[in-house]
Amino acid sequence: MATFFRSSTYWVVDYLYDGHPRRRWHSAPTGTDPTDAVRRDLAELWGERARLLTLRPATPDEEAAYLRGEDEGPHFCPSGR
């Protein structure tokens, strides 16, 4: 992979939206803790309806599946599509 791409880490964001489990992905510079940024993003998008459950670096298999568009998870599309 390109050097510039490897300067970031993919994170798995598991959260609750109106009590239902959901998953998002977050990319952050390697070596940083994205917890505050993720909480801020969730609050900006859904206010008190969303609550962060876990935030962890993606495994190599999860990252590869995400990049290929094969990620399976409890996703949420705000547009309803």
PDB file of N, CA and C in Angstrom:
ATOM      1  N   MET A   1       0.838  -1.191   0.000  1.00  0.00           N
ATOM      2  CA  MET A   1       0.000   0.000   0.000  1.00  0.00           C
ATOM      3  C   MET A   1       0.876   1.245   0.000  1.00  0.00           C
ATOM      4  N   ALA A   2       0.308   2.314  -0.421  1.00  0.00           N
ATOM      5  CA  ALA A   2       1.036   3.571  -0.487  1.00  0.00           C
ATOM      6  C   ALA A   2       1.414   4.057   0.910  1.00  0.00           C
ATOM      7  N   THR A   3       2.558   4.696   1.010  1.00  0.00           N
ATOM      8  CA  THR A   3       3.050   5.174   2.306  1.00  0.00           C
ATOM      9  C   THR A   3       2.081   6.147   2.948  1.00  0.00           C
ATOM     10  N   PHE A   4       1.506   7.072   2.174  1.00  0.00           N
ATOM     11  CA  PHE A   4       0.597   8.062   2.754  1.00  0.00           C
ATOM     12  C   PHE A   4      -0.633   7.403   3.356  1.00  0.00           C
ATOM     13  N   PHE A   5      -1.076   6.298   2.781  1.00  0.00           N
ATOM     14  CA  PHE A   5      -2.264   5.620   3.305  1.00  0.00           C
ATOM     15  C   PHE A   5      -1.957   5.009   4.665  1.00  0.00           C
ATOM     16  N   ARG A   6      -0.802   4.451   4.813  1.00  0.00           N
ATOM     17  CA  ARG A   6      -0.430   3.789   6.057  1.00  0.00           C
ATOM     18  C   ARG A   6      -0.178   4.786   7.180  1.00  0.00           C
ATOM     19  N   SER A   7      -0.310   6.043   6.926  1.00  0.00           N
ATOM     20  CA  SER A   7      -0.128   7.028   7.999  1.00  0.00           C
ATOM     21  C   SER A   7      -1.398   7.175   8.835  1.00  0.00           C
ATOM     22  N   SER A   8      -2.433   6.401   8.491  1.00  0.00           N
ATOM     23  CA  SER A   8      -3.671   6.447   9.263  1.00  0.00           C
ATOM     24  C   SER A   8      -4.070   5.050   9.701  1.00  0.00           C
ATOM     25  N   THR A   9      -4.924   5.010  10.718  1.00  0.00           N
ATOM     26  CA  THR A   9      -5.444   3.756  11.260  1.00  0.00           C
ATOM     27  C   THR A   9      -6.958   3.793  11.183  1.00  0.00           C
ATOM     28  N   TYR A  10      -7.550   2.678  10.763  1.00  0.00           N
ATOM     29  CA  TYR A  10      -9.008   2.576  10.761  1.00  0.00           C
ATOM     30  C   TYR A  10      -9.477   2.085  12.125  1.00  0.00           C
ATOM     31  N   TRP A  11     -10.538   2.695  12.606  1.00  0.00           N
ATOM     32  CA  TRP A  11     -11.114   2.356  13.896  1.00  0.00           C
ATOM     33  C   TRP A  11     -12.550   1.889  13.710  1.00  0.00           C
ATOM     34  N   VAL A  12     -12.940   0.882  14.460  1.00  0.00           N
ATOM     35  CA  VAL A  12     -14.309   0.384  14.464  1.00  0.00           C
ATOM     36  C   VAL A  12     -15.044   1.115  15.580  1.00  0.00           C
ATOM     37  N   VAL A  13     -16.138   1.767  15.229  1.00  0.00           N
ATOM     38  CA  VAL A  13     -16.937   2.529  16.191  1.00  0.00           C
ATOM     39  C   VAL A  13     -18.270   1.814  16.363  1.00  0.00           C
ATOM     40  N   ASP A  14     -18.459   1.196  17.507  1.00  0.00           N
ATOM     41  CA  ASP A  14     -19.740   0.576  17.832  1.00  0.00           C
ATOM     42  C   ASP A  14     -20.481   1.511  18.775  1.00  0.00           C
ATOM     43  N   TYR A  15     -21.738   1.797  18.439  1.00  0.00           N
ATOM     44  CA  TYR A  15     -22.519   2.734  19.236  1.00  0.00           C
ATOM     45  C   TYR A  15     -23.984   2.327  19.214  1.00  0.00           C
ATOM     46  N   LEU A  16     -24.754   2.944  20.069  1.00  0.00           N
ATOM     47  CA  LEU A  16     -26.197   2.735  20.081  1.00  0.00           C
ATOM     48  C   LEU A  16     -26.863   3.963  19.485  1.00  0.00           C
ATOM     49  N   TYR A  17     -27.839   3.733  18.641  1.00  0.00           N
ATOM     50  CA  TYR A  17     -28.672   4.813  18.101  1.00  0.00           C
ATOM     51  C   TYR A  17     -30.106   4.474  18.480  1.00  0.00           C
ATOM     52  N   ASP A  18     -30.694   5.281  19.306  1.00  0.00           N
ATOM     53  CA  ASP A  18     -32.041   5.013  19.826  1.00  0.00           C
ATOM     54  C   ASP A  18     -32.135   3.597  20.397  1.00  0.00           C
ATOM     55  N   GLY A  19     -31.066   3.163  21.056  1.00  0.00           N
ATOM     56  CA  GLY A  19     -31.047   1.857  21.691  1.00  0.00           C
ATOM     57  C   GLY A  19     -30.697   0.697  20.779  1.00  0.00           C
ATOM     58  N   HIS A  20     -30.452   0.954  19.504  1.00  0.00           N
ATOM     59  CA  HIS A  20     -30.134  -0.101  18.535  1.00  0.00           C
ATOM     60  C   HIS A  20     -28.644  -0.075  18.205  1.00  0.00           C
ATOM     61  N   PRO A  21     -28.003  -1.251  18.151  1.00  0.00           N
ATOM     62  CA  PRO A  21     -26.567  -1.289  17.852  1.00  0.00           C
ATOM     63  C   PRO A  21     -26.282  -0.873  16.412  1.00  0.00           C
ATOM     64  N   ARG A  22     -25.257  -0.056  16.272  1.00  0.00           N
ATOM     65  CA  ARG A  22     -24.833   0.422  14.954  1.00  0.00           C
ATOM     66  C   ARG A  22     -23.315   0.410  14.899  1.00  0.00           C
ATOM     67  N   ARG A  23     -22.779   0.467  13.679  1.00  0.00           N
ATOM     68  CA  ARG A  23     -21.325   0.492  13.490  1.00  0.00           C
ATOM     69  C   ARG A  23     -20.958   1.541  12.454  1.00  0.00           C
ATOM     70  N   ARG A  24     -19.873   2.242  12.732  1.00  0.00           N
ATOM     71  CA  ARG A  24     -19.286   3.207  11.802  1.00  0.00           C
ATOM     72  C   ARG A  24     -17.797   2.938  11.736  1.00  0.00           C
ATOM     73  N   TRP A  25     -17.160   3.594  10.810  1.00  0.00           N
ATOM     74  CA  TRP A  25     -15.709   3.512  10.683  1.00  0.00           C
ATOM     75  C   TRP A  25     -15.149   4.916  10.833  1.00  0.00           C
ATOM     76  N   HIS A  26     -13.967   4.980  11.408  1.00  0.00           N
ATOM     77  CA  HIS A  26     -13.303   6.274  11.584  1.00  0.00           C
ATOM     78  C   HIS A  26     -11.832   6.083  11.241  1.00  0.00           C
ATOM     79  N   SER A  27     -11.291   7.007  10.510  1.00  0.00           N
ATOM     80  CA  SER A  27      -9.869   6.986  10.176  1.00  0.00           C
ATOM     81  C   SER A  27      -9.195   8.118  10.928  1.00  0.00           C
ATOM     82  N   ALA A  28      -8.064   7.803  11.551  1.00  0.00           N
ATOM     83  CA  ALA A  28      -7.329   8.812  12.318  1.00  0.00           C
ATOM     84  C   ALA A  28      -5.837   8.600  12.094  1.00  0.00           C
ATOM     85  N   PRO A  29      -5.052   9.659  12.231  1.00  0.00           N
ATOM     86  CA  PRO A  29      -3.600   9.497  12.091  1.00  0.00           C
ATOM     87  C   PRO A  29      -3.072   8.439  13.065  1.00  0.00           C
ATOM     88  N   THR A  30      -2.176   7.626  12.584  1.00  0.00           N
ATOM     89  CA  THR A  30      -1.592   6.583  13.416  1.00  0.00           C
ATOM     90  C   THR A  30      -0.944   7.214  14.642  1.00  0.00           C
ATOM     91  N   GLY A  31      -1.191   6.587  15.792  1.00  0.00           N
ATOM     92  CA  GLY A  31      -0.607   7.067  17.039  1.00  0.00           C
ATOM     93  C   GLY A  31      -1.467   8.069  17.785  1.00  0.00           C
ATOM     94  N   THR A  32      -2.654   8.372  17.277  1.00  0.00           N
ATOM     95  CA  THR A  32      -3.541   9.311  17.969  1.00  0.00           C
ATOM     96  C   THR A  32      -4.745   8.563  18.539  1.00  0.00           C
ATOM     97  N   ASP A  33      -5.380   9.165  19.532  1.00  0.00           N
ATOM     98  CA  ASP A  33      -6.584   8.603  20.135  1.00  0.00           C
ATOM     99  C   ASP A  33      -7.786   9.384  19.610  1.00  0.00           C
ATOM    100  N   PRO A  34      -8.637   8.744  18.801  1.00  0.00           N
ATOM    101  CA  PRO A  34      -9.751   9.462  18.180  1.00  0.00           C
ATOM    102  C   PRO A  34     -11.025   9.520  19.033  1.00  0.00           C
ATOM    103  N   THR A  35     -10.956   9.114  20.295  1.00  0.00           N
ATOM    104  CA  THR A  35     -12.159   9.020  21.125  1.00  0.00           C
ATOM    105  C   THR A  35     -12.946  10.325  21.161  1.00  0.00           C
ATOM    106  N   ASP A  36     -12.282  11.435  21.429  1.00  0.00           N
ATOM    107  CA  ASP A  36     -12.997  12.718  21.508  1.00  0.00           C
ATOM    108  C   ASP A  36     -13.603  13.102  20.159  1.00  0.00           C
ATOM    109  N   ALA A  37     -12.875  12.867  19.084  1.00  0.00           N
ATOM    110  CA  ALA A  37     -13.383  13.210  17.753  1.00  0.00           C
ATOM    111  C   ALA A  37     -14.604  12.364  17.408  1.00  0.00           C
ATOM    112  N   VAL A  38     -14.575  11.085  17.756  1.00  0.00           N
ATOM    113  CA  VAL A  38     -15.708  10.206  17.471  1.00  0.00           C
ATOM    114  C   VAL A  38     -16.925  10.624  18.287  1.00  0.00           C
ATOM    115  N   ARG A  39     -16.728  10.910  19.564  1.00  0.00           N
ATOM    116  CA  ARG A  39     -17.849  11.371  20.394  1.00  0.00           C
ATOM    117  C   ARG A  39     -18.436  12.668  19.846  1.00  0.00           C
ATOM    118  N   ARG A  40     -17.579  13.563  19.411  1.00  0.00           N
ATOM    119  CA  ARG A  40     -18.032  14.832  18.848  1.00  0.00           C
ATOM    120  C   ARG A  40     -18.825  14.591  17.562  1.00  0.00           C
ATOM    121  N   ASP A  41     -18.325  13.699  16.698  1.00  0.00           N
ATOM    122  CA  ASP A  41     -19.034  13.366  15.447  1.00  0.00           C
ATOM    123  C   ASP A  41     -20.420  12.796  15.729  1.00  0.00           C
ATOM    124  N   LEU A  42     -20.492  11.852  16.657  1.00  0.00           N
ATOM    125  CA  LEU A  42     -21.787  11.254  16.988  1.00  0.00           C
ATOM    126  C   LEU A  42     -22.747  12.309  17.531  1.00  0.00           C
ATOM    127  N   ALA A  43     -22.251  13.187  18.391  1.00  0.00           N
ATOM    128  CA  ALA A  43     -23.098  14.235  18.964  1.00  0.00           C
ATOM    129  C   ALA A  43     -23.582  15.200  17.887  1.00  0.00           C
ATOM    130  N   GLU A  44     -22.708  15.549  16.939  1.00  0.00           N
ATOM    131  CA  GLU A  44     -23.099  16.461  15.870  1.00  0.00           C
ATOM    132  C   GLU A  44     -24.136  15.827  14.945  1.00  0.00           C
ATOM    133  N   LEU A  45     -23.991  14.532  14.698  1.00  0.00           N
ATOM    134  CA  LEU A  45     -24.911  13.856  13.794  1.00  0.00           C
ATOM    135  C   LEU A  45     -26.257  13.545  14.440  1.00  0.00           C
ATOM    136  N   TRP A  46     -26.226  13.020  15.675  1.00  0.00           N
ATOM    137  CA  TRP A  46     -27.460  12.509  16.263  1.00  0.00           C
ATOM    138  C   TRP A  46     -27.732  12.967  17.691  1.00  0.00           C
ATOM    139  N   GLY A  47     -26.934  13.889  18.208  1.00  0.00           N
ATOM    140  CA  GLY A  47     -27.183  14.417  19.548  1.00  0.00           C
ATOM    141  C   GLY A  47     -27.210  13.329  20.605  1.00  0.00           C
ATOM    142  N   GLU A  48     -28.215  13.376  21.455  1.00  0.00           N
ATOM    143  CA  GLU A  48     -28.311  12.428  22.557  1.00  0.00           C
ATOM    144  C   GLU A  48     -28.885  11.085  22.132  1.00  0.00           C
ATOM    145  N   ARG A  49     -29.260  10.955  20.870  1.00  0.00           N
ATOM    146  CA  ARG A  49     -29.813   9.690  20.375  1.00  0.00           C
ATOM    147  C   ARG A  49     -28.721   8.636  20.194  1.00  0.00           C
ATOM    148  N   ALA A  50     -27.449   9.056  20.120  1.00  0.00           N
ATOM    149  CA  ALA A  50     -26.340   8.135  19.907  1.00  0.00           C
ATOM    150  C   ALA A  50     -25.447   8.086  21.143  1.00  0.00           C
ATOM    151  N   ARG A  51     -24.977   6.874  21.456  1.00  0.00           N
ATOM    152  CA  ARG A  51     -24.084   6.698  22.601  1.00  0.00           C
ATOM    153  C   ARG A  51     -22.972   5.729  22.199  1.00  0.00           C
ATOM    154  N   LEU A  52     -21.730   6.186  22.356  1.00  0.00           N
ATOM    155  CA  LEU A  52     -20.567   5.376  22.021  1.00  0.00           C
ATOM    156  C   LEU A  52     -20.476   4.172  22.953  1.00  0.00           C
ATOM    157  N   LEU A  53     -20.311   2.983  22.368  1.00  0.00           N
ATOM    158  CA  LEU A  53     -20.126   1.769  23.159  1.00  0.00           C
ATOM    159  C   LEU A  53     -18.654   1.377  23.207  1.00  0.00           C
ATOM    160  N   THR A  54     -18.080   1.114  22.037  1.00  0.00           N
ATOM    161  CA  THR A  54     -16.665   0.738  21.969  1.00  0.00           C
ATOM    162  C   THR A  54     -15.996   1.410  20.786  1.00  0.00           C
ATOM    163  N   LEU A  55     -14.725   1.622  20.945  1.00  0.00           N
ATOM    164  CA  LEU A  55     -13.889   2.188  19.892  1.00  0.00           C
ATOM    165  C   LEU A  55     -12.586   1.415  19.939  1.00  0.00           C
ATOM    166  N   ARG A  56     -12.264   0.757  18.825  1.00  0.00           N
ATOM    167  CA  ARG A  56     -11.050  -0.057  18.801  1.00  0.00           C
ATOM    168  C   ARG A  56     -10.460  -0.042  17.399  1.00  0.00           C
ATOM    169  N   PRO A  57      -9.153  -0.260  17.315  1.00  0.00           N
ATOM    170  CA  PRO A  57      -8.550  -0.356  15.984  1.00  0.00           C
ATOM    171  C   PRO A  57      -9.125  -1.557  15.237  1.00  0.00           C
ATOM    172  N   ALA A  58      -9.349  -1.404  13.966  1.00  0.00           N
ATOM    173  CA  ALA A  58      -9.848  -2.508  13.140  1.00  0.00           C
ATOM    174  C   ALA A  58      -8.762  -3.568  12.994  1.00  0.00           C
ATOM    175  N   THR A  59      -9.184  -4.807  12.953  1.00  0.00           N
ATOM    176  CA  THR A  59      -8.237  -5.890  12.675  1.00  0.00           C
ATOM    177  C   THR A  59      -7.862  -5.811  11.190  1.00  0.00           C
ATOM    178  N   PRO A  60      -6.751  -6.426  10.799  1.00  0.00           N
ATOM    179  CA  PRO A  60      -6.392  -6.411   9.373  1.00  0.00           C
ATOM    180  C   PRO A  60      -7.502  -6.982   8.482  1.00  0.00           C
ATOM    181  N   ASP A  61      -8.181  -8.032   8.936  1.00  0.00           N
ATOM    182  CA  ASP A  61      -9.270  -8.605   8.141  1.00  0.00           C
ATOM    183  C   ASP A  61     -10.454  -7.651   8.032  1.00  0.00           C
ATOM    184  N   GLU A  62     -10.810  -6.977   9.131  1.00  0.00           N
ATOM    185  CA  GLU A  62     -11.913  -6.012   9.095  1.00  0.00           C
ATOM    186  C   GLU A  62     -11.588  -4.844   8.174  1.00  0.00           C
ATOM    187  N   GLU A  63     -10.357  -4.357   8.266  1.00  0.00           N
ATOM    188  CA  GLU A  63      -9.956  -3.236   7.423  1.00  0.00           C
ATOM    189  C   GLU A  63     -10.001  -3.618   5.952  1.00  0.00           C
ATOM    190  N   ALA A  64      -9.508  -4.802   5.625  1.00  0.00           N
ATOM    191  CA  ALA A  64      -9.523  -5.258   4.231  1.00  0.00           C
ATOM    192  C   ALA A  64     -10.954  -5.401   3.726  1.00  0.00           C
ATOM    193  N   ALA A  65     -11.836  -5.983   4.538  1.00  0.00           N
ATOM    194  CA  ALA A  65     -13.240  -6.135   4.131  1.00  0.00           C
ATOM    195  C   ALA A  65     -13.890  -4.776   3.926  1.00  0.00           C
ATOM    196  N   TYR A  66     -13.597  -3.822   4.809  1.00  0.00           N
ATOM    197  CA  TYR A  66     -14.156  -2.474   4.677  1.00  0.00           C
ATOM    198  C   TYR A  66     -13.684  -1.822   3.379  1.00  0.00           C
ATOM    199  N   LEU A  67     -12.404  -1.919   3.103  1.00  0.00           N
ATOM    200  CA  LEU A  67     -11.853  -1.286   1.906  1.00  0.00           C
ATOM    201  C   LEU A  67     -12.373  -1.934   0.619  1.00  0.00           C
ATOM    202  N   ARG A  68     -12.734  -3.216   0.691  1.00  0.00           N
ATOM    203  CA  ARG A  68     -13.316  -3.892  -0.475  1.00  0.00           C
ATOM    204  C   ARG A  68     -14.821  -3.691  -0.569  1.00  0.00           C
ATOM    205  N   GLY A  69     -15.417  -3.050   0.443  1.00  0.00           N
ATOM    206  CA  GLY A  69     -16.859  -2.835   0.450  1.00  0.00           C
ATOM    207  C   GLY A  69     -17.637  -4.057   0.888  1.00  0.00           C
ATOM    208  N   GLU A  70     -16.975  -4.961   1.602  1.00  0.00           N
ATOM    209  CA  GLU A  70     -17.604  -6.206   2.031  1.00  0.00           C
ATOM    210  C   GLU A  70     -17.890  -6.227   3.523  1.00  0.00           C
ATOM    211  N   ASP A  71     -17.782  -5.101   4.169  1.00  0.00           N
ATOM    212  CA  ASP A  71     -17.989  -5.041   5.610  1.00  0.00           C
ATOM    213  C   ASP A  71     -19.418  -5.413   5.961  1.00  0.00           C
ATOM    214  N   GLU A  72     -19.553  -6.268   6.949  1.00  0.00           N
ATOM    215  CA  GLU A  72     -20.875  -6.612   7.455  1.00  0.00           C
ATOM    216  C   GLU A  72     -20.971  -6.061   8.871  1.00  0.00           C
ATOM    217  N   GLY A  73     -22.053  -5.419   9.166  1.00  0.00           N
ATOM    218  CA  GLY A  73     -22.216  -4.872  10.502  1.00  0.00           C
ATOM    219  C   GLY A  73     -23.556  -4.192  10.622  1.00  0.00           C
ATOM    220  N   PRO A  74     -23.902  -3.816  11.807  1.00  0.00           N
ATOM    221  CA  PRO A  74     -25.183  -3.135  12.012  1.00  0.00           C
ATOM    222  C   PRO A  74     -25.083  -1.662  11.618  1.00  0.00           C
ATOM    223  N   HIS A  75     -25.106  -1.389  10.325  1.00  0.00           N
ATOM    224  CA  HIS A  75     -24.941  -0.025   9.828  1.00  0.00           C
ATOM    225  C   HIS A  75     -26.235   0.766   9.921  1.00  0.00           C
ATOM    226  N   PHE A  76     -26.092   2.059   9.852  1.00  0.00           N
ATOM    227  CA  PHE A  76     -27.262   2.943   9.878  1.00  0.00           C
ATOM    228  C   PHE A  76     -27.086   3.979   8.785  1.00  0.00           C
ATOM    229  N   CYS A  77     -28.081   4.117   7.975  1.00  0.00           N
ATOM    230  CA  CYS A  77     -28.059   5.132   6.923  1.00  0.00           C
ATOM    231  C   CYS A  77     -29.103   6.186   7.264  1.00  0.00           C
ATOM    232  N   PRO A  78     -28.673   7.395   7.633  1.00  0.00           N
ATOM    233  CA  PRO A  78     -29.623   8.428   8.036  1.00  0.00           C
ATOM    234  C   PRO A  78     -30.632   8.791   6.950  1.00  0.00           C
ATOM    235  N   SER A  79     -30.300   8.532   5.680  1.00  0.00           N
ATOM    236  CA  SER A  79     -31.235   8.880   4.600  1.00  0.00           C
ATOM    237  C   SER A  79     -32.337   7.846   4.447  1.00  0.00           C
ATOM    238  N   GLY A  80     -32.178   6.693   5.105  1.00  0.00           N
ATOM    239  CA  GLY A  80     -33.175   5.642   4.998  1.00  0.00           C
ATOM    240  C   GLY A  80     -33.017   4.787   3.760  1.00  0.00           C
ATOM    241  N   ARG A  81     -31.935   4.965   3.029  1.00  0.00           N
ATOM    242  CA  ARG A  81     -31.698   4.192   1.801  1.00  0.00           C
ATOM    243  C   ARG A  81     -30.954   2.931   2.084  1.00  0.00           C
TER     244      ARG A  81
END
